[in-house]
Amino acid sequence: MNDIELSILLPAFIAGLLVLATHIPFGMKVLERGVIFADLAVAQIAGMGVIIAALLNLSDQPLLVQAIAAASALCGAGLLAWIERRMAEVKEACIGLTFVLAASGGILLMSRDVHAGEHLKDLLVGQILWVSTNQLIATALLTAALLALWQWSKLKTHTLGFYALFALAVTASVQLVGVYLVFASLIVPALATYRIKRRRMQFAFAIGVMGYAAGLLLSAGFDLPSGAAVVWMMAVTGVVAAWLLNKSA
């Protein structure tokens, strides 16, 4: 591997680690609460905020774009919290519908944009190979704050507090790695280890890290789309790890 490839892959790998740092504990909580589609719905709503900012010609003001995306995601978090409280028996159907409406809304907003296809691709599969140092620093600071709140506050025990923390984490990560990889990072490690009682968190992080590393190397070696490659390698890693862990249990 030459120096040019390493200079691209290392920041991408760091971005993956930052996403995993928040999404693995969130993913375990999502499985526990039974709101699997919440991540997709919030990610799409945050993405709509980014699209709106672009339509307002605010792309050259990253802080304002982040604020709009975060505000959109927090509105989505409020909606999901309301659904879980008031429509618990059909919450997955309602959350799935919210995802479809947000995704369709994004397409409608981009319908007059000549670059809509490229923007949609970036939103779904991300641009993990082109993350900037500033993005990594900002995401690292947000990740540290969210993990501190997750660990030492009672927000995660309240419906609205959980969804608010979740929304802020997703807002940052979806702009780093895209909707598909955000969902994979949230679900695959948590799902692969859901039967594990001891050292579950360590096994989950190992699955996520191996998935990102293998996917990025596969992408570089065969010139494949990086986000899609990581999703598949994480899924393969998760299936193999689940089989080995269940076999040894």
Foldseek 3Di string as FASTA:
>chain_A
DDPVLCVLLVQLLLLLLLLLLPQAVLLLVCVVLVQLLLLLLLLLQLLLQLLVCVVVVNPVPVVVSLVSSLVSSLVSLVVLLCCCVPVVVCSNVVSVVSSVVSNVVLCVSCVPPPCSVVSVCCQAFNDSSPDDPVLSVVSVVLSVVLVCCVVPPCLCVHSSSVSSSSSSSSSSSSNNGHSLLSSLSNHLLSVLQVVPDPPSVVSSSVLSSQLLVQLSVVCVVVVDRSSVSSSVSSNVSSVVSSVVVVVVD
